[in-house]
């Protein structure tokens, strides 16, 4: 359970980081 939660958190962090990066790139 803990491992699954960590994986989900990592994926969410990755996607959120990509969104912020693209947002900053576009302005």
PDB file of N, CA and C in Angstrom:
ATOM      1  N   UNK A   1       0.848  -1.197   0.000  1.00  0.00           N
ATOM      2  CA  UNK A   1       0.000   0.000   0.000  1.00  0.00           C
ATOM      3  C   UNK A   1       0.892   1.259   0.000  1.00  0.00           C
ATOM      4  N   UNK A   2       1.859   1.274   0.914  1.00  0.00           N
ATOM      5  CA  UNK A   2       2.737   2.450   0.989  1.00  0.00           C
ATOM      6  C   UNK A   2       3.496   2.641  -0.317  1.00  0.00           C
ATOM      7  N   UNK A   3       3.946   1.531  -0.876  1.00  0.00           N
ATOM      8  CA  UNK A   3       4.729   1.623  -2.118  1.00  0.00           C
ATOM      9  C   UNK A   3       3.835   2.177  -3.241  1.00  0.00           C
ATOM     10  N   UNK A   4       2.604   1.718  -3.286  1.00  0.00           N
ATOM     11  CA  UNK A   4       1.693   2.183  -4.345  1.00  0.00           C
ATOM     12  C   UNK A   4       1.435   3.685  -4.177  1.00  0.00           C
ATOM     13  N   UNK A   5       1.249   4.100  -2.945  1.00  0.00           N
ATOM     14  CA  UNK A   5       0.983   5.517  -2.690  1.00  0.00           C
ATOM     15  C   UNK A   5       2.183   6.352  -3.147  1.00  0.00           C
ATOM     16  N   UNK A   6       3.372   5.859  -2.861  1.00  0.00           N
ATOM     17  CA  UNK A   6       4.582   6.598  -3.235  1.00  0.00           C
ATOM     18  C   UNK A   6       4.659   6.714  -4.754  1.00  0.00           C
ATOM     19  N   UNK A   7       4.331   5.633  -5.442  1.00  0.00           N
ATOM     20  CA  UNK A   7       4.392   5.654  -6.906  1.00  0.00           C
ATOM     21  C   UNK A   7       3.414   6.688  -7.457  1.00  0.00           C
ATOM     22  N   UNK A   8       2.211   6.697  -6.913  1.00  0.00           N
ATOM     23  CA  UNK A   8       1.191   7.652  -7.395  1.00  0.00           C
ATOM     24  C   UNK A   8       1.682   9.078  -7.129  1.00  0.00           C
ATOM     25  N   UNK A   9       2.246   9.293  -5.951  1.00  0.00           N
ATOM     26  CA  UNK A   9       2.724  10.634  -5.605  1.00  0.00           C
ATOM     27  C   UNK A   9       3.819  11.058  -6.592  1.00  0.00           C
ATOM     28  N   UNK A  10       4.705  10.134  -6.912  1.00  0.00           N
ATOM     29  CA  UNK A  10       5.817  10.440  -7.818  1.00  0.00           C
ATOM     30  C   UNK A  10       5.266  10.799  -9.203  1.00  0.00           C
ATOM     31  N   UNK A  11       4.289  10.047  -9.669  1.00  0.00           N
ATOM     32  CA  UNK A  11       3.712  10.304 -11.000  1.00  0.00           C
ATOM     33  C   UNK A  11       3.034  11.677 -10.995  1.00  0.00           C
ATOM     34  N   UNK A  12       2.299  11.974  -9.906  1.00  0.00           N
ATOM     35  CA  UNK A  12       1.600  13.264  -9.841  1.00  0.00           C
ATOM     36  C   UNK A  12       2.620  14.401  -9.850  1.00  0.00           C
ATOM     37  N   UNK A  13       3.699  14.227  -9.107  1.00  0.00           N
ATOM     38  CA  UNK A  13       4.735  15.260  -9.052  1.00  0.00           C
ATOM     39  C   UNK A  13       5.335  15.471 -10.444  1.00  0.00           C
ATOM     40  N   UNK A  14       5.553  14.383 -11.162  1.00  0.00           N
ATOM     41  CA  UNK A  14       6.143  14.467 -12.506  1.00  0.00           C
ATOM     42  C   UNK A  14       5.205  15.241 -13.437  1.00  0.00           C
ATOM     43  N   UNK A  15       3.929  14.876 -13.425  1.00  0.00           N
ATOM     44  CA  UNK A  15       2.961  15.522 -14.324  1.00  0.00           C
ATOM     45  C   UNK A  15       2.814  16.996 -13.935  1.00  0.00           C
ATOM     46  N   UNK A  16       2.725  17.266 -12.634  1.00  0.00           N
ATOM     47  CA  UNK A  16       2.547  18.660 -12.203  1.00  0.00           C
ATOM     48  C   UNK A  16       3.783  19.472 -12.603  1.00  0.00           C
ATOM     49  N   UNK A  17       4.951  18.868 -12.494  1.00  0.00           N
ATOM     50  CA  UNK A  17       6.186  19.577 -12.848  1.00  0.00           C
ATOM     51  C   UNK A  17       6.178  19.882 -14.349  1.00  0.00           C
ATOM     52  N   UNK A  18       5.699  18.931 -15.154  1.00  0.00           N
ATOM     53  CA  UNK A  18       5.660  19.140 -16.607  1.00  0.00           C
ATOM     54  C   UNK A  18       4.705  20.285 -16.928  1.00  0.00           C
ATOM     55  N   UNK A  19       3.573  20.335 -16.244  1.00  0.00           N
ATOM     56  CA  UNK A  19       2.573  21.387 -16.497  1.00  0.00           C
ATOM     57  C   UNK A  19       3.181  22.748 -16.163  1.00  0.00           C
ATOM     58  N   UNK A  20       3.840  22.845 -15.015  1.00  0.00           N
ATOM     59  CA  UNK A  20       4.442  24.130 -14.636  1.00  0.00           C
ATOM     60  C   UNK A  20       5.517  24.522 -15.647  1.00  0.00           C
ATOM     61  N   UNK A  21       6.286  23.556 -16.093  1.00  0.00           N
ATOM     62  CA  UNK A  21       7.363  23.849 -17.045  1.00  0.00           C
ATOM     63  C   UNK A  21       6.779  24.391 -18.351  1.00  0.00           C
ATOM     64  N   UNK A  22       5.737  23.717 -18.867  1.00  0.00           N
ATOM     65  CA  UNK A  22       5.125  24.149 -20.133  1.00  0.00           C
ATOM     66  C   UNK A  22       4.472  25.516 -19.928  1.00  0.00           C
ATOM     67  N   UNK A  23       3.861  25.724 -18.761  1.00  0.00           N
ATOM     68  CA  UNK A  23       3.187  27.010 -18.506  1.00  0.00           C
ATOM     69  C   UNK A  23       4.224  28.136 -18.506  1.00  0.00           C
ATOM     70  N   UNK A  24       5.330  27.899 -17.828  1.00  0.00           N
ATOM     71  CA  UNK A  24       6.375  28.926 -17.745  1.00  0.00           C
ATOM     72  C   UNK A  24       6.951  29.170 -19.150  1.00  0.00           C
ATOM     73  N   UNK A  25       7.040  28.122 -19.942  1.00  0.00           N
ATOM     74  CA  UNK A  25       7.606  28.245 -21.288  1.00  0.00           C
ATOM     75  C   UNK A  25       6.666  29.094 -22.157  1.00  0.00           C
ATOM     76  N   UNK A  26       5.369  28.837 -22.032  1.00  0.00           N
ATOM     77  CA  UNK A  26       4.405  29.581 -22.856  1.00  0.00           C
ATOM     78  C   UNK A  26       4.226  31.003 -22.311  1.00  0.00           C
ATOM     79  N   UNK A  27       4.564  31.225 -21.061  1.00  0.00           N
ATOM     80  CA  UNK A  27       4.406  32.564 -20.505  1.00  0.00           C
ATOM     81  C   UNK A  27       3.498  32.481 -19.322  1.00  0.00           C
TER      82      UNK A  27
END
